[in-house]
PDB file of N, CA and C in Angstrom:
ATOM      1  N   MET A   1      78.260  35.489  20.350  1.00  0.00           N
ATOM      2  CA  MET A   1      77.401  34.922  19.335  1.00  0.00           C
ATOM      3  C   MET A   1      76.531  36.021  18.727  1.00  0.00           C
ATOM      4  N   ASP A   2      76.403  35.998  17.430  1.00  0.00           N
ATOM      5  CA  ASP A   2      75.567  36.953  16.713  1.00  0.00           C
ATOM      6  C   ASP A   2      74.113  36.750  17.109  1.00  0.00           C
ATOM      7  N   GLU A   3      73.349  37.833  17.203  1.00  0.00           N
ATOM      8  CA  GLU A   3      71.948  37.713  17.580  1.00  0.00           C
ATOM      9  C   GLU A   3      71.106  37.085  16.470  1.00  0.00           C
ATOM     10  N   HIS A   4      71.625  37.015  15.259  1.00  0.00           N
ATOM     11  CA  HIS A   4      70.921  36.420  14.136  1.00  0.00           C
ATOM     12  C   HIS A   4      71.584  35.099  13.773  1.00  0.00           C
ATOM     13  N   ALA A   5      70.756  34.074  13.569  1.00  0.00           N
ATOM     14  CA  ALA A   5      71.279  32.758  13.230  1.00  0.00           C
ATOM     15  C   ALA A   5      70.254  32.004  12.397  1.00  0.00           C
ATOM     16  N   TRP A   6      70.738  31.286  11.397  1.00  0.00           N
ATOM     17  CA  TRP A   6      69.869  30.410  10.625  1.00  0.00           C
ATOM     18  C   TRP A   6      69.612  29.163  11.451  1.00  0.00           C
ATOM     19  N   PRO A   7      68.474  28.511  11.250  1.00  0.00           N
ATOM     20  CA  PRO A   7      68.212  27.256  11.967  1.00  0.00           C
ATOM     21  C   PRO A   7      69.281  26.228  11.623  1.00  0.00           C
ATOM     22  N   SER A   8      69.814  25.588  12.652  1.00  0.00           N
ATOM     23  CA  SER A   8      70.835  24.559  12.420  1.00  0.00           C
ATOM     24  C   SER A   8      70.842  23.597  13.591  1.00  0.00           C
ATOM     25  N   GLY A   9      71.525  22.496  13.409  1.00  0.00           N
ATOM     26  CA  GLY A   9      71.664  21.523  14.477  1.00  0.00           C
ATOM     27  C   GLY A   9      70.650  20.399  14.399  1.00  0.00           C
ATOM     28  N   PRO A  10      70.678  19.534  15.385  1.00  0.00           N
ATOM     29  CA  PRO A  10      69.836  18.326  15.357  1.00  0.00           C
ATOM     30  C   PRO A  10      68.331  18.601  15.451  1.00  0.00           C
ATOM     31  N   GLU A  11      67.938  19.795  15.885  1.00  0.00           N
ATOM     32  CA  GLU A  11      66.510  20.127  15.980  1.00  0.00           C
ATOM     33  C   GLU A  11      65.883  20.438  14.627  1.00  0.00           C
ATOM     34  N   VAL A  12      66.705  20.638  13.607  1.00  0.00           N
ATOM     35  CA  VAL A  12      66.207  21.065  12.301  1.00  0.00           C
ATOM     36  C   VAL A  12      66.133  19.860  11.364  1.00  0.00           C
ATOM     37  N   PRO A  13      64.921  19.515  10.896  1.00  0.00           N
ATOM     38  CA  PRO A  13      64.802  18.403   9.951  1.00  0.00           C
ATOM     39  C   PRO A  13      65.478  18.739   8.626  1.00  0.00           C
ATOM     40  N   ALA A  14      66.008  17.733   7.975  1.00  0.00           N
ATOM     41  CA  ALA A  14      66.636  17.921   6.669  1.00  0.00           C
ATOM     42  C   ALA A  14      65.599  18.406   5.657  1.00  0.00           C
ATOM     43  N   ALA A  15      66.052  19.147   4.655  1.00  0.00           N
ATOM     44  CA  ALA A  15      65.148  19.713   3.639  1.00  0.00           C
ATOM     45  C   ALA A  15      64.316  18.627   2.976  1.00  0.00           C
ATOM     46  N   GLY A  16      64.913  17.485   2.715  1.00  0.00           N
ATOM     47  CA  GLY A  16      64.176  16.381   2.088  1.00  0.00           C
ATOM     48  C   GLY A  16      63.032  15.891   2.956  1.00  0.00           C
ATOM     49  N   LEU A  17      63.247  15.858   4.260  1.00  0.00           N
ATOM     50  CA  LEU A  17      62.186  15.428   5.173  1.00  0.00           C
ATOM     51  C   LEU A  17      61.063  16.459   5.232  1.00  0.00           C
ATOM     52  N   LEU A  18      61.417  17.741   5.201  1.00  0.00           N
ATOM     53  CA  LEU A  18      60.402  18.789   5.168  1.00  0.00           C
ATOM     54  C   LEU A  18      59.535  18.648   3.914  1.00  0.00           C
ATOM     55  N   ARG A  19      60.184  18.413   2.793  1.00  0.00           N
ATOM     56  CA  ARG A  19      59.486  18.270   1.511  1.00  0.00           C
ATOM     57  C   ARG A  19      58.595  17.031   1.520  1.00  0.00           C
ATOM     58  N   GLU A  20      59.144  15.895   1.943  1.00  0.00           N
ATOM     59  CA  GLU A  20      58.386  14.635   1.954  1.00  0.00           C
ATOM     60  C   GLU A  20      57.206  14.684   2.925  1.00  0.00           C
ATOM     61  N   GLY A  21      57.354  15.389   4.027  1.00  0.00           N
ATOM     62  CA  GLY A  21      56.310  15.444   5.031  1.00  0.00           C
ATOM     63  C   GLY A  21      55.364  16.622   4.894  1.00  0.00           C
ATOM     64  N   TRP A  22      55.493  17.406   3.793  1.00  0.00           N
ATOM     65  CA  TRP A  22      54.722  18.631   3.670  1.00  0.00           C
ATOM     66  C   TRP A  22      53.211  18.387   3.705  1.00  0.00           C
ATOM     67  N   ALA A  23      52.712  17.416   2.975  1.00  0.00           N
ATOM     68  CA  ALA A  23      51.263  17.157   2.960  1.00  0.00           C
ATOM     69  C   ALA A  23      50.760  16.826   4.362  1.00  0.00           C
ATOM     70  N   ALA A  24      51.509  16.032   5.105  1.00  0.00           N
ATOM     71  CA  ALA A  24      51.122  15.683   6.478  1.00  0.00           C
ATOM     72  C   ALA A  24      51.188  16.914   7.385  1.00  0.00           C
ATOM     73  N   THR A  25      52.174  17.771   7.166  1.00  0.00           N
ATOM     74  CA  THR A  25      52.294  18.994   7.959  1.00  0.00           C
ATOM     75  C   THR A  25      51.085  19.901   7.744  1.00  0.00           C
ATOM     76  N   VAL A  26      50.706  20.126   6.496  1.00  0.00           N
ATOM     77  CA  VAL A  26      49.557  20.983   6.187  1.00  0.00           C
ATOM     78  C   VAL A  26      48.279  20.385   6.776  1.00  0.00           C
ATOM     79  N   ALA A  27      48.135  19.064   6.690  1.00  0.00           N
ATOM     80  CA  ALA A  27      46.945  18.411   7.239  1.00  0.00           C
ATOM     81  C   ALA A  27      46.900  18.537   8.765  1.00  0.00           C
ATOM     82  N   ALA A  28      48.047  18.461   9.413  1.00  0.00           N
ATOM     83  CA  ALA A  28      48.111  18.536  10.879  1.00  0.00           C
ATOM     84  C   ALA A  28      47.985  19.956  11.406  1.00  0.00           C
ATOM     85  N   LEU A  29      48.308  20.945  10.557  1.00  0.00           N
ATOM     86  CA  LEU A  29      48.345  22.343  10.999  1.00  0.00           C
ATOM     87  C   LEU A  29      47.536  23.250  10.077  1.00  0.00           C
ATOM     88  N   PRO A  30      46.217  23.058   9.999  1.00  0.00           N
ATOM     89  CA  PRO A  30      45.430  23.958   9.145  1.00  0.00           C
ATOM     90  C   PRO A  30      45.466  25.388   9.668  1.00  0.00           C
ATOM     91  N   VAL A  31      45.171  26.330   8.791  1.00  0.00           N
ATOM     92  CA  VAL A  31      45.104  27.736   9.186  1.00  0.00           C
ATOM     93  C   VAL A  31      44.153  27.855  10.374  1.00  0.00           C
ATOM     94  N   GLY A  32      44.587  28.615  11.386  1.00  0.00           N
ATOM     95  CA  GLY A  32      43.809  28.802  12.601  1.00  0.00           C
ATOM     96  C   GLY A  32      44.251  27.917  13.754  1.00  0.00           C
ATOM     97  N   THR A  33      45.102  26.930  13.484  1.00  0.00           N
ATOM     98  CA  THR A  33      45.587  26.029  14.526  1.00  0.00           C
ATOM     99  C   THR A  33      46.510  26.768  15.490  1.00  0.00           C
ATOM    100  N   GLN A  34      46.328  26.547  16.773  1.00  0.00           N
ATOM    101  CA  GLN A  34      47.228  27.094  17.785  1.00  0.00           C
ATOM    102  C   GLN A  34      48.457  26.185  17.879  1.00  0.00           C
ATOM    103  N   ILE A  35      49.636  26.775  17.934  1.00  0.00           N
ATOM    104  CA  ILE A  35      50.876  25.994  18.020  1.00  0.00           C
ATOM    105  C   ILE A  35      51.717  26.488  19.197  1.00  0.00           C
ATOM    106  N   THR A  36      52.629  25.623  19.611  1.00  0.00           N
ATOM    107  CA  THR A  36      53.694  25.993  20.531  1.00  0.00           C
ATOM    108  C   THR A  36      54.988  25.492  19.907  1.00  0.00           C
ATOM    109  N   GLY A  37      56.089  26.082  20.315  1.00  0.00           N
ATOM    110  CA  GLY A  37      57.355  25.630  19.771  1.00  0.00           C
ATOM    111  C   GLY A  37      58.517  26.433  20.321  1.00  0.00           C
ATOM    112  N   LYS A  38      59.689  26.100  19.818  1.00  0.00           N
ATOM    113  CA  LYS A  38      60.944  26.707  20.272  1.00  0.00           C
ATOM    114  C   LYS A  38      61.575  27.478  19.110  1.00  0.00           C
ATOM    115  N   VAL A  39      62.063  28.666  19.392  1.00  0.00           N
ATOM    116  CA  VAL A  39      62.754  29.468  18.378  1.00  0.00           C
ATOM    117  C   VAL A  39      64.118  28.820  18.105  1.00  0.00           C
ATOM    118  N   ILE A  40      64.313  28.411  16.839  1.00  0.00           N
ATOM    119  CA  ILE A  40      65.556  27.722  16.470  1.00  0.00           C
ATOM    120  C   ILE A  40      66.397  28.530  15.494  1.00  0.00           C
ATOM    121  N   GLY A  41      65.884  29.664  15.046  1.00  0.00           N
ATOM    122  CA  GLY A  41      66.625  30.531  14.144  1.00  0.00           C
ATOM    123  C   GLY A  41      66.050  31.932  14.237  1.00  0.00           C
ATOM    124  N   ARG A  42      66.903  32.904  14.019  1.00  0.00           N
ATOM    125  CA  ARG A  42      66.479  34.302  14.177  1.00  0.00           C
ATOM    126  C   ARG A  42      67.174  35.133  13.101  1.00  0.00           C
ATOM    127  N   GLN A  43      66.371  35.822  12.318  1.00  0.00           N
ATOM    128  CA  GLN A  43      66.894  36.700  11.283  1.00  0.00           C
ATOM    129  C   GLN A  43      66.204  38.054  11.395  1.00  0.00           C
ATOM    130  N   ARG A  44      66.669  39.035  10.673  1.00  0.00           N
ATOM    131  CA  ARG A  44      66.066  40.360  10.723  1.00  0.00           C
ATOM    132  C   ARG A  44      64.598  40.345  10.293  1.00  0.00           C
ATOM    133  N   PHE A  45      64.227  39.378   9.450  1.00  0.00           N
ATOM    134  CA  PHE A  45      62.866  39.311   8.918  1.00  0.00           C
ATOM    135  C   PHE A  45      61.917  38.471   9.764  1.00  0.00           C
ATOM    136  N   GLY A  46      62.423  37.766  10.791  1.00  0.00           N
ATOM    137  CA  GLY A  46      61.550  36.958  11.633  1.00  0.00           C
ATOM    138  C   GLY A  46      62.284  35.844  12.350  1.00  0.00           C
ATOM    139  N   VAL A  47      61.492  34.957  12.963  1.00  0.00           N
ATOM    140  CA  VAL A  47      62.068  33.826  13.691  1.00  0.00           C
ATOM    141  C   VAL A  47      61.536  32.509  13.142  1.00  0.00           C
ATOM    142  N   PHE A  48      62.418  31.503  13.135  1.00  0.00           N
ATOM    143  CA  PHE A  48      62.056  30.156  12.744  1.00  0.00           C
ATOM    144  C   PHE A  48      61.711  29.375  14.008  1.00  0.00           C
ATOM    145  N   ILE A  49      60.654  28.563  13.909  1.00  0.00           N
ATOM    146  CA  ILE A  49      60.132  27.855  15.076  1.00  0.00           C
ATOM    147  C   ILE A  49      60.050  26.365  14.792  1.00  0.00           C
ATOM    148  N   ARG A  50      60.588  25.569  15.708  1.00  0.00           N
ATOM    149  CA  ARG A  50      60.403  24.111  15.664  1.00  0.00           C
ATOM    150  C   ARG A  50      59.078  23.853  16.344  1.00  0.00           C
ATOM    151  N   ILE A  51      58.059  23.472  15.572  1.00  0.00           N
ATOM    152  CA  ILE A  51      56.698  23.322  16.072  1.00  0.00           C
ATOM    153  C   ILE A  51      56.546  22.007  16.825  1.00  0.00           C
ATOM    154  N   ASP A  52      56.048  22.105  18.056  1.00  0.00           N
ATOM    155  CA  ASP A  52      55.848  20.920  18.895  1.00  0.00           C
ATOM    156  C   ASP A  52      54.835  19.968  18.258  1.00  0.00           C
ATOM    157  N   GLY A  53      55.143  18.672  18.328  1.00  0.00           N
ATOM    158  CA  GLY A  53      54.199  17.639  17.935  1.00  0.00           C
ATOM    159  C   GLY A  53      54.097  17.339  16.463  1.00  0.00           C
ATOM    160  N   VAL A  54      54.787  18.079  15.624  1.00  0.00           N
ATOM    161  CA  VAL A  54      54.769  17.832  14.181  1.00  0.00           C
ATOM    162  C   VAL A  54      56.226  17.726  13.738  1.00  0.00           C
ATOM    163  N   PRO A  55      56.721  16.494  13.593  1.00  0.00           N
ATOM    164  CA  PRO A  55      58.163  16.290  13.449  1.00  0.00           C
ATOM    165  C   PRO A  55      58.841  16.976  12.267  1.00  0.00           C
ATOM    166  N   TYR A  56      58.136  17.158  11.153  1.00  0.00           N
ATOM    167  CA  TYR A  56      58.788  17.742   9.982  1.00  0.00           C
ATOM    168  C   TYR A  56      58.183  19.089   9.631  1.00  0.00           C
ATOM    169  N   ALA A  57      57.933  19.910  10.653  1.00  0.00           N
ATOM    170  CA  ALA A  57      57.352  21.228  10.433  1.00  0.00           C
ATOM    171  C   ALA A  57      58.279  22.309  10.977  1.00  0.00           C
ATOM    172  N   ILE A  58      58.478  23.330  10.165  1.00  0.00           N
ATOM    173  CA  ILE A  58      59.209  24.523  10.592  1.00  0.00           C
ATOM    174  C   ILE A  58      58.276  25.712  10.393  1.00  0.00           C
ATOM    175  N   GLY A  59      58.100  26.483  11.454  1.00  0.00           N
ATOM    176  CA  GLY A  59      57.280  27.684  11.374  1.00  0.00           C
ATOM    177  C   GLY A  59      58.155  28.901  11.158  1.00  0.00           C
ATOM    178  N   LEU A  60      57.549  29.931  10.604  1.00  0.00           N
ATOM    179  CA  LEU A  60      58.225  31.210  10.449  1.00  0.00           C
ATOM    180  C   LEU A  60      57.265  32.309  10.882  1.00  0.00           C
ATOM    181  N   ALA A  61      57.661  33.066  11.878  1.00  0.00           N
ATOM    182  CA  ALA A  61      56.915  34.245  12.315  1.00  0.00           C
ATOM    183  C   ALA A  61      57.676  35.452  11.771  1.00  0.00           C
ATOM    184  N   GLU A  62      57.088  36.123  10.794  1.00  0.00           N
ATOM    185  CA  GLU A  62      57.751  37.241  10.129  1.00  0.00           C
ATOM    186  C   GLU A  62      57.424  38.572  10.804  1.00  0.00           C
ATOM    187  N   ILE A  63      58.337  39.511  10.658  1.00  0.00           N
ATOM    188  CA  ILE A  63      58.141  40.817  11.285  1.00  0.00           C
ATOM    189  C   ILE A  63      56.949  41.563  10.704  1.00  0.00           C
ATOM    190  N   THR A  64      56.463  41.153   9.528  1.00  0.00           N
ATOM    191  CA  THR A  64      55.293  41.815   8.951  1.00  0.00           C
ATOM    192  C   THR A  64      54.064  41.643   9.849  1.00  0.00           C
ATOM    193  N   ALA A  65      54.073  40.630  10.720  1.00  0.00           N
ATOM    194  CA  ALA A  65      52.965  40.403  11.650  1.00  0.00           C
ATOM    195  C   ALA A  65      53.284  40.937  13.055  1.00  0.00           C
ATOM    196  N   MET A  66      54.459  41.550  13.222  1.00  0.00           N
ATOM    197  CA  MET A  66      54.902  42.015  14.537  1.00  0.00           C
ATOM    198  C   MET A  66      54.549  43.491  14.733  1.00  0.00           C
ATOM    199  N   PRO A  67      53.925  43.836  15.859  1.00  0.00           N
ATOM    200  CA  PRO A  67      53.620  45.248  16.118  1.00  0.00           C
ATOM    201  C   PRO A  67      54.892  46.099  16.237  1.00  0.00           C
ATOM    202  N   LEU A  68      54.770  47.363  15.875  1.00  0.00           N
ATOM    203  CA  LEU A  68      55.897  48.292  16.003  1.00  0.00           C
ATOM    204  C   LEU A  68      56.348  48.374  17.457  1.00  0.00           C
ATOM    205  N   GLY A  69      57.639  48.470  17.662  1.00  0.00           N
ATOM    206  CA  GLY A  69      58.185  48.627  19.001  1.00  0.00           C
ATOM    207  C   GLY A  69      58.449  47.336  19.744  1.00  0.00           C
ATOM    208  N   MET A  70      58.072  46.195  19.161  1.00  0.00           N
ATOM    209  CA  MET A  70      58.334  44.909  19.819  1.00  0.00           C
ATOM    210  C   MET A  70      59.638  44.328  19.290  1.00  0.00           C
ATOM    211  N   ASP A  71      60.189  43.401  20.040  1.00  0.00           N
ATOM    212  CA  ASP A  71      61.402  42.712  19.626  1.00  0.00           C
ATOM    213  C   ASP A  71      61.084  41.270  19.256  1.00  0.00           C
ATOM    214  N   LEU A  72      61.929  40.709  18.415  1.00  0.00           N
ATOM    215  CA  LEU A  72      61.801  39.286  18.092  1.00  0.00           C
ATOM    216  C   LEU A  72      62.162  38.449  19.317  1.00  0.00           C
ATOM    217  N   PRO A  73      61.516  37.305  19.495  1.00  0.00           N
ATOM    218  CA  PRO A  73      61.912  36.419  20.591  1.00  0.00           C
ATOM    219  C   PRO A  73      63.353  35.944  20.404  1.00  0.00           C
ATOM    220  N   ALA A  74      64.011  35.630  21.496  1.00  0.00           N
ATOM    221  CA  ALA A  74      65.401  35.178  21.475  1.00  0.00           C
ATOM    222  C   ALA A  74      65.507  33.732  21.007  1.00  0.00           C
ATOM    223  N   LEU A  75      66.681  33.365  20.517  1.00  0.00           N
ATOM    224  CA  LEU A  75      66.955  31.956  20.221  1.00  0.00           C
ATOM    225  C   LEU A  75      66.711  31.130  21.477  1.00  0.00           C
ATOM    226  N   GLY A  76      66.038  30.006  21.319  1.00  0.00           N
ATOM    227  CA  GLY A  76      65.762  29.120  22.440  1.00  0.00           C
ATOM    228  C   GLY A  76      64.482  29.451  23.189  1.00  0.00           C
ATOM    229  N   ALA A  77      63.857  30.579  22.883  1.00  0.00           N
ATOM    230  CA  ALA A  77      62.611  30.953  23.569  1.00  0.00           C
ATOM    231  C   ALA A  77      61.484  30.014  23.151  1.00  0.00           C
ATOM    232  N   PHE A  78      60.582  29.739  24.091  1.00  0.00           N
ATOM    233  CA  PHE A  78      59.388  28.960  23.782  1.00  0.00           C
ATOM    234  C   PHE A  78      58.261  29.944  23.493  1.00  0.00           C
ATOM    235  N   VAL A  79      57.554  29.708  22.397  1.00  0.00           N
ATOM    236  CA  VAL A  79      56.527  30.644  21.942  1.00  0.00           C
ATOM    237  C   VAL A  79      55.219  29.913  21.652  1.00  0.00           C
ATOM    238  N   ARG A  80      54.152  30.707  21.579  1.00  0.00           N
ATOM    239  CA  ARG A  80      52.825  30.228  21.187  1.00  0.00           C
ATOM    240  C   ARG A  80      52.345  31.116  20.048  1.00  0.00           C
ATOM    241  N   GLY A  81      51.512  30.536  19.188  1.00  0.00           N
ATOM    242  CA  GLY A  81      50.977  31.336  18.104  1.00  0.00           C
ATOM    243  C   GLY A  81      49.892  30.607  17.345  1.00  0.00           C
ATOM    244  N   GLU A  82      49.533  31.207  16.210  1.00  0.00           N
ATOM    245  CA  GLU A  82      48.474  30.674  15.360  1.00  0.00           C
ATOM    246  C   GLU A  82      48.984  30.543  13.929  1.00  0.00           C
ATOM    247  N   VAL A  83      48.647  29.440  13.286  1.00  0.00           N
ATOM    248  CA  VAL A  83      48.987  29.242  11.882  1.00  0.00           C
ATOM    249  C   VAL A  83      48.148  30.212  11.054  1.00  0.00           C
ATOM    250  N   ILE A  84      48.831  31.009  10.202  1.00  0.00           N
ATOM    251  CA  ILE A  84      48.110  31.976   9.374  1.00  0.00           C
ATOM    252  C   ILE A  84      48.248  31.692   7.880  1.00  0.00           C
ATOM    253  N   TRP A  85      49.174  30.808   7.489  1.00  0.00           N
ATOM    254  CA  TRP A  85      49.382  30.522   6.066  1.00  0.00           C
ATOM    255  C   TRP A  85      50.340  29.358   5.928  1.00  0.00           C
ATOM    256  N   HIS A  86      50.339  28.737   4.730  1.00  0.00           N
ATOM    257  CA  HIS A  86      51.300  27.687   4.387  1.00  0.00           C
ATOM    258  C   HIS A  86      52.070  28.136   3.153  1.00  0.00           C
ATOM    259  N   ALA A  87      53.377  28.219   3.264  1.00  0.00           N
ATOM    260  CA  ALA A  87      54.227  28.616   2.134  1.00  0.00           C
ATOM    261  C   ALA A  87      54.768  27.350   1.477  1.00  0.00           C
ATOM    262  N   THR A  88      54.048  26.871   0.470  1.00  0.00           N
ATOM    263  CA  THR A  88      54.383  25.606  -0.171  1.00  0.00           C
ATOM    264  C   THR A  88      55.750  25.657  -0.849  1.00  0.00           C
ATOM    265  N   HIS A  89      56.124  26.789  -1.422  1.00  0.00           N
ATOM    266  CA  HIS A  89      57.375  26.876  -2.182  1.00  0.00           C
ATOM    267  C   HIS A  89      58.611  26.592  -1.316  1.00  0.00           C
ATOM    268  N   ASN A  90      58.546  26.879  -0.019  1.00  0.00           N
ATOM    269  CA  ASN A  90      59.705  26.579   0.838  1.00  0.00           C
ATOM    270  C   ASN A  90      59.325  25.767   2.072  1.00  0.00           C
ATOM    271  N   HIS A  91      58.115  25.189   2.050  1.00  0.00           N
ATOM    272  CA  HIS A  91      57.667  24.257   3.090  1.00  0.00           C
ATOM    273  C   HIS A  91      57.732  24.860   4.491  1.00  0.00           C
ATOM    274  N   GLN A  92      57.203  26.066   4.615  1.00  0.00           N
ATOM    275  CA  GLN A  92      57.159  26.754   5.913  1.00  0.00           C
ATOM    276  C   GLN A  92      55.722  27.028   6.321  1.00  0.00           C
ATOM    277  N   VAL A  93      55.490  26.891   7.612  1.00  0.00           N
ATOM    278  CA  VAL A  93      54.202  27.209   8.196  1.00  0.00           C
ATOM    279  C   VAL A  93      54.317  28.632   8.738  1.00  0.00           C
ATOM    280  N   LYS A  94      53.534  29.545   8.190  1.00  0.00           N
ATOM    281  CA  LYS A  94      53.582  30.940   8.644  1.00  0.00           C
ATOM    282  C   LYS A  94      52.772  31.068   9.932  1.00  0.00           C
ATOM    283  N   VAL A  95      53.344  31.772  10.908  1.00  0.00           N
ATOM    284  CA  VAL A  95      52.764  31.855  12.251  1.00  0.00           C
ATOM    285  C   VAL A  95      52.693  33.307  12.703  1.00  0.00           C
ATOM    286  N   ARG A  96      51.611  33.661  13.395  1.00  0.00           N
ATOM    287  CA  ARG A  96      51.528  34.945  14.104  1.00  0.00           C
ATOM    288  C   ARG A  96      51.625  34.613  15.583  1.00  0.00           C
ATOM    289  N   LEU A  97      52.596  35.169  16.260  1.00  0.00           N
ATOM    290  CA  LEU A  97      52.815  34.868  17.674  1.00  0.00           C
ATOM    291  C   LEU A  97      51.746  35.509  18.552  1.00  0.00           C
ATOM    292  N   ASP A  98      51.336  34.796  19.598  1.00  0.00           N
ATOM    293  CA  ASP A  98      50.327  35.308  20.519  1.00  0.00           C
ATOM    294  C   ASP A  98      50.757  36.627  21.162  1.00  0.00           C
ATOM    295  N   GLU A  99      52.038  36.745  21.505  1.00  0.00           N
ATOM    296  CA  GLU A  99      52.495  37.988  22.153  1.00  0.00           C
ATOM    297  C   GLU A  99      52.344  39.187  21.222  1.00  0.00           C
ATOM    298  N   TRP A 100      52.387  38.963  19.925  1.00  0.00           N
ATOM    299  CA  TRP A 100      52.179  40.041  18.950  1.00  0.00           C
ATOM    300  C   TRP A 100      50.706  40.393  18.829  1.00  0.00           C
ATOM    301  N   ARG A 101      49.850  39.392  18.909  1.00  0.00           N
ATOM    302  CA  ARG A 101      48.413  39.605  18.776  1.00  0.00           C
ATOM    303  C   ARG A 101      47.880  40.436  19.941  1.00  0.00           C
ATOM    304  N   ALA A 102      48.346  40.152  21.146  1.00  0.00           N
ATOM    305  CA  ALA A 102      47.847  40.848  22.344  1.00  0.00           C
ATOM    306  C   ALA A 102      48.046  42.351  22.234  1.00  0.00           C
ATOM    307  N   VAL A 103      49.115  42.790  21.603  1.00  0.00           N
ATOM    308  CA  VAL A 103      49.396  44.214  21.447  1.00  0.00           C
ATOM    309  C   VAL A 103      48.443  44.847  20.453  1.00  0.00           C
ATOM    310  N   ASN A 104      48.055  44.091  19.421  1.00  0.00           N
ATOM    311  CA  ASN A 104      47.185  44.631  18.362  1.00  0.00           C
ATOM    312  C   ASN A 104      45.715  44.660  18.756  1.00  0.00           C
ATOM    313  N   GLU A 105      45.323  43.967  19.802  1.00  0.00           N
ATOM    314  CA  GLU A 105      43.902  43.882  20.160  1.00  0.00           C
ATOM    315  C   GLU A 105      43.526  44.844  21.244  1.00  0.00           C
TER     316      GLU A 105
END
């Protein structure tokens, strides 16, 4: 299996559900909110996260927030982080992972 994969399968809400639930997602996950979730997709630019407790939310932790020398979490890994932004154009919750923050502090 390739180390990079787009989010797919039953864990990924349909695009229409992400769009319809966007206002509720933003209200439930304001900037600064701590999240937990499972890595459901992995690309060179970051990882996609199925955020626990918010059914129509997909997080994205981008490498721009990752310290040099670290690796992206593996598919299926459970992660923790903080909401840092909302990307309305593609209905993604931007996340900085806790493991990345510890290195920068």
